[in-house]
Structures are given as C-alpha cells and as structure tokens.
C-alpha atoms as a PDB file:
ATOM      1  CA  UNK A   1      -0.017  -0.013  -0.179  1.00  0.00           C
ATOM      2  CA  UNK A   2       1.282   3.336  -1.017  1.00  0.00           C
ATOM      3  CA  UNK A   3       1.501   6.110   1.672  1.00  0.00           C
ATOM      4  CA  UNK A   4      -0.627   8.378  -0.185  1.00  0.00           C
ATOM      5  CA  UNK A   5      -3.485   5.969   0.325  1.00  0.00           C
ATOM      6  CA  UNK A   6      -2.884   5.470   3.838  1.00  0.00           C
ATOM      7  CA  UNK A   7      -2.866   9.201   4.520  1.00  0.00           C
ATOM      8  CA  UNK A   8      -6.181   9.227   2.823  1.00  0.00           C
ATOM      9  CA  UNK A   9      -7.649   6.340   4.669  1.00  0.00           C
ATOM     10  CA  UNK A  10      -6.525   7.354   8.089  1.00  0.00           C
ATOM     11  CA  UNK A  11      -6.891  10.945   7.751  1.00  0.00           C
ATOM     12  CA  UNK A  12      -3.294  12.221   8.309  1.00  0.00           C
ATOM     13  CA  UNK A  13      -1.900  15.654   7.577  1.00  0.00           C
ATOM     14  CA  UNK A  14       1.241  15.768   5.170  1.00  0.00           C
ATOM     15  CA  UNK A  15       3.623  17.899   6.955  1.00  0.00           C
ATOM     16  CA  UNK A  16       6.252  17.650   4.608  1.00  0.00           C
ATOM     17  CA  UNK A  17       8.173  15.057   2.381  1.00  0.00           C
ATOM     18  CA  UNK A  18       5.436  15.449  -0.475  1.00  0.00           C
ATOM     19  CA  UNK A  19       7.630  13.805  -3.184  1.00  0.00           C
ATOM     20  CA  UNK A  20       7.799  10.709  -1.301  1.00  0.00           C
ATOM     21  CA  UNK A  21       3.724   9.762  -1.034  1.00  0.00           C
ATOM     22  CA  UNK A  22       4.305   6.975  -3.668  1.00  0.00           C
ATOM     23  CA  UNK A  23       6.520   4.995  -1.469  1.00  0.00           C
ATOM     24  CA  UNK A  24       5.213   1.666  -0.955  1.00  0.00           C
ATOM     25  CA  UNK A  25       4.743   0.749   2.966  1.00  0.00           C
ATOM     26  CA  UNK A  26       5.448  -2.806   4.172  1.00  0.00           C
ATOM     27  CA  UNK A  27       4.804  -2.600   7.886  1.00  0.00           C
ATOM     28  CA  UNK A  28       5.110  -0.195  10.914  1.00  0.00           C
ATOM     29  CA  UNK A  29       6.876   0.330  14.048  1.00  0.00           C
ATOM     30  CA  UNK A  30       6.285   2.014  17.336  1.00  0.00           C
ATOM     31  CA  UNK A  31       8.662   3.280  19.345  1.00  0.00           C
ATOM     32  CA  UNK A  32      10.256   6.869  20.802  1.00  0.00           C
ATOM     33  CA  UNK A  33      13.659   5.618  21.438  1.00  0.00           C
ATOM     34  CA  UNK A  34      15.872   6.091  18.430  1.00  0.00           C
ATOM     35  CA  UNK A  35      18.489   3.338  19.288  1.00  0.00           C
ATOM     36  CA  UNK A  36      15.176   0.660  19.354  1.00  0.00           C
ATOM     37  CA  UNK A  37      14.200   1.866  15.773  1.00  0.00           C
ATOM     38  CA  UNK A  38      17.658   1.873  14.669  1.00  0.00           C
ATOM     39  CA  UNK A  39      18.123  -1.697  15.904  1.00  0.00           C
ATOM     40  CA  UNK A  40      14.751  -3.257  15.201  1.00  0.00           C
ATOM     41  CA  UNK A  41      12.736  -1.318  12.202  1.00  0.00           C
ATOM     42  CA  UNK A  42      12.667  -2.800   8.893  1.00  0.00           C
ATOM     43  CA  UNK A  43      13.009  -0.952   5.463  1.00  0.00           C
ATOM     44  CA  UNK A  44       9.750   0.399   4.115  1.00  0.00           C
ATOM     45  CA  UNK A  45       7.969   0.833   7.459  1.00  0.00           C
ATOM     46  CA  UNK A  46       6.135   3.758   8.775  1.00  0.00           C
ATOM     47  CA  UNK A  47       7.593   4.940  12.206  1.00  0.00           C
ATOM     48  CA  UNK A  48       4.957   6.096  14.611  1.00  0.00           C
ATOM     49  CA  UNK A  49       6.534   8.408  17.501  1.00  0.00           C
ATOM     50  CA  UNK A  50       5.882  11.541  19.322  1.00  0.00           C
ATOM     51  CA  UNK A  51       9.669  12.562  18.725  1.00  0.00           C
ATOM     52  CA  UNK A  52       9.709  15.703  16.784  1.00  0.00           C
ATOM     53  CA  UNK A  53      13.382  16.571  16.609  1.00  0.00           C
ATOM     54  CA  UNK A  54      15.797  16.278  13.596  1.00  0.00           C
ATOM     55  CA  UNK A  55      17.290  12.971  14.671  1.00  0.00           C
ATOM     56  CA  UNK A  56      14.117  11.309  13.633  1.00  0.00           C
ATOM     57  CA  UNK A  57      14.830  12.007  10.003  1.00  0.00           C
ATOM     58  CA  UNK A  58      18.523  10.760  10.493  1.00  0.00           C
ATOM     59  CA  UNK A  59      17.033   7.392  11.721  1.00  0.00           C
ATOM     60  CA  UNK A  60      14.644   7.191   9.107  1.00  0.00           C
ATOM     61  CA  UNK A  61      17.033   7.786   6.320  1.00  0.00           C
ATOM     62  CA  UNK A  62      19.543   5.228   7.772  1.00  0.00           C
ATOM     63  CA  UNK A  63      16.648   2.556   8.140  1.00  0.00           C
ATOM     64  CA  UNK A  64      15.091   3.683   4.946  1.00  0.00           C
ATOM     65  CA  UNK A  65      11.666   3.951   6.323  1.00  0.00           C
ATOM     66  CA  UNK A  66       8.768   5.052   4.205  1.00  0.00           C
ATOM     67  CA  UNK A  67       7.611   7.563   6.254  1.00  0.00           C
ATOM     68  CA  UNK A  68       7.175   8.975   9.883  1.00  0.00           C
ATOM     69  CA  UNK A  69       3.810   9.742  11.701  1.00  0.00           C
ATOM     70  CA  UNK A  70       3.986  12.140  14.654  1.00  0.00           C
ATOM     71  CA  UNK A  71       1.221  11.534  17.243  1.00  0.00           C
ATOM     72  CA  UNK A  72      -0.989  13.729  19.403  1.00  0.00           C
ATOM     73  CA  UNK A  73      -0.931  16.844  17.009  1.00  0.00           C
ATOM     74  CA  UNK A  74       2.767  17.403  17.841  1.00  0.00           C
ATOM     75  CA  UNK A  75       4.561  19.666  15.257  1.00  0.00           C
ATOM     76  CA  UNK A  76       7.951  18.935  14.038  1.00  0.00           C
ATOM     77  CA  UNK A  77      10.937  21.280  14.344  1.00  0.00           C
ATOM     78  CA  UNK A  78      11.738  23.598  11.167  1.00  0.00           C
ATOM     79  CA  UNK A  79      15.063  21.454  10.672  1.00  0.00           C
ATOM     80  CA  UNK A  80      13.176  18.462  11.106  1.00  0.00           C
ATOM     81  CA  UNK A  81      10.685  19.472   7.970  1.00  0.00           C
ATOM     82  CA  UNK A  82      13.526  20.852   5.889  1.00  0.00           C
ATOM     83  CA  UNK A  83      15.387  17.482   6.250  1.00  0.00           C
ATOM     84  CA  UNK A  84      12.356  15.511   5.418  1.00  0.00           C
ATOM     85  CA  UNK A  85      11.768  17.457   2.101  1.00  0.00           C
ATOM     86  CA  UNK A  86      15.491  16.674   1.388  1.00  0.00           C
ATOM     87  CA  UNK A  87      15.169  12.957   1.959  1.00  0.00           C
ATOM     88  CA  UNK A  88      11.707  12.817   0.453  1.00  0.00           C
ATOM     89  CA  UNK A  89      10.308  10.784   3.765  1.00  0.00           C
ATOM     90  CA  UNK A  90       7.252  12.165   4.480  1.00  0.00           C
ATOM     91  CA  UNK A  91       6.344  13.189   7.840  1.00  0.00           C
ATOM     92  CA  UNK A  92       2.634  12.590   8.485  1.00  0.00           C
ATOM     93  CA  UNK A  93       0.544  14.131  11.615  1.00  0.00           C
ATOM     94  CA  UNK A  94      -2.449  12.916  13.614  1.00  0.00           C
ATOM     95  CA  UNK A  95      -4.285  14.124  16.407  1.00  0.00           C
ATOM     96  CA  UNK A  96      -4.755  10.536  17.532  1.00  0.00           C
ATOM     97  CA  UNK A  97      -2.575   8.937  20.189  1.00  0.00           C
ATOM     98  CA  UNK A  98       0.051   6.349  19.494  1.00  0.00           C
ATOM     99  CA  UNK A  99      -2.361   3.380  20.564  1.00  0.00           C
ATOM    100  CA  UNK A 100      -5.265   4.805  18.448  1.00  0.00           C
ATOM    101  CA  UNK A 101      -3.591   5.444  15.302  1.00  0.00           C
ATOM    102  CA  UNK A 102      -1.225   2.015  15.892  1.00  0.00           C
ATOM    103  CA  UNK A 103      -4.302   0.015  15.736  1.00  0.00           C
ATOM    104  CA  UNK A 104      -5.717   1.870  12.848  1.00  0.00           C
ATOM    105  CA  UNK A 105      -2.435   1.364  10.745  1.00  0.00           C
ATOM    106  CA  UNK A 106      -2.406  -2.436  11.813  1.00  0.00           C
ATOM    107  CA  UNK A 107      -6.066  -2.967  10.498  1.00  0.00           C
ATOM    108  CA  UNK A 108      -5.172  -1.278   7.398  1.00  0.00           C
ATOM    109  CA  UNK A 109      -2.092  -3.115   6.458  1.00  0.00           C
ATOM    110  CA  UNK A 110      -3.490  -6.004   7.578  1.00  0.00           C
ATOM    111  CA  UNK A 111      -6.419  -5.982   4.935  1.00  0.00           C
ATOM    112  CA  UNK A 112      -3.700  -5.846   2.005  1.00  0.00           C
END
C-alpha cells in the first residue's frame, strides 16, 4: 500500500516530504527510542513516534523508512521538516494518540 493511500484512509496530515508519498509501505514500527528504531525497524515501514526533532529524520533515512507519523498533533521542528523534504521521507501528523493510530494502521495493513 502506498503512503498516499494510508494518508487518505487514516485522515493524516502531510507536513513535509510530499515527493515521497508514492513510497510503498511494508509494515510499521512504534517506538520513541531512536536506538530501538535503529536496531529493529524494517526498511519500508512507517514509524510512529511522538519525537519531533531532526534526529528522527536521520534515523528514518538510515533505516530507509517509508514515512514518519507524529502523534497527538505535535509539530516537527523546522530543521526536521527541511530534512524530510531533502530526503523525500514524508512526515505525517495525527491528533490521535499512539495506541489509536497504531491500531488503525495495523488494521489497514492487515487487509492488504
């Protein structure tokens, strides 16, 4: 499933990285610890986090993640947005909490 389809079905807001919306999503990963994501997230996954600083883009790029969803309506820092656009890795936002959006994403990806 493509990120653009997930954005539409889960009513996510695209903050940045619009050129990466056609990336294929292979799964998801949930963590707020960067070292955990580095050690365990799989290429092509969407990462769900409450982190907003620039280091999330370094991790997303390193792990070749499809996108990052930031929860609870939090807004990424400007340098994070800039890096997202440079790397073409979308940053998406939701007002939902981590538990809720994870369940919604799981159900959506499970159907494919």
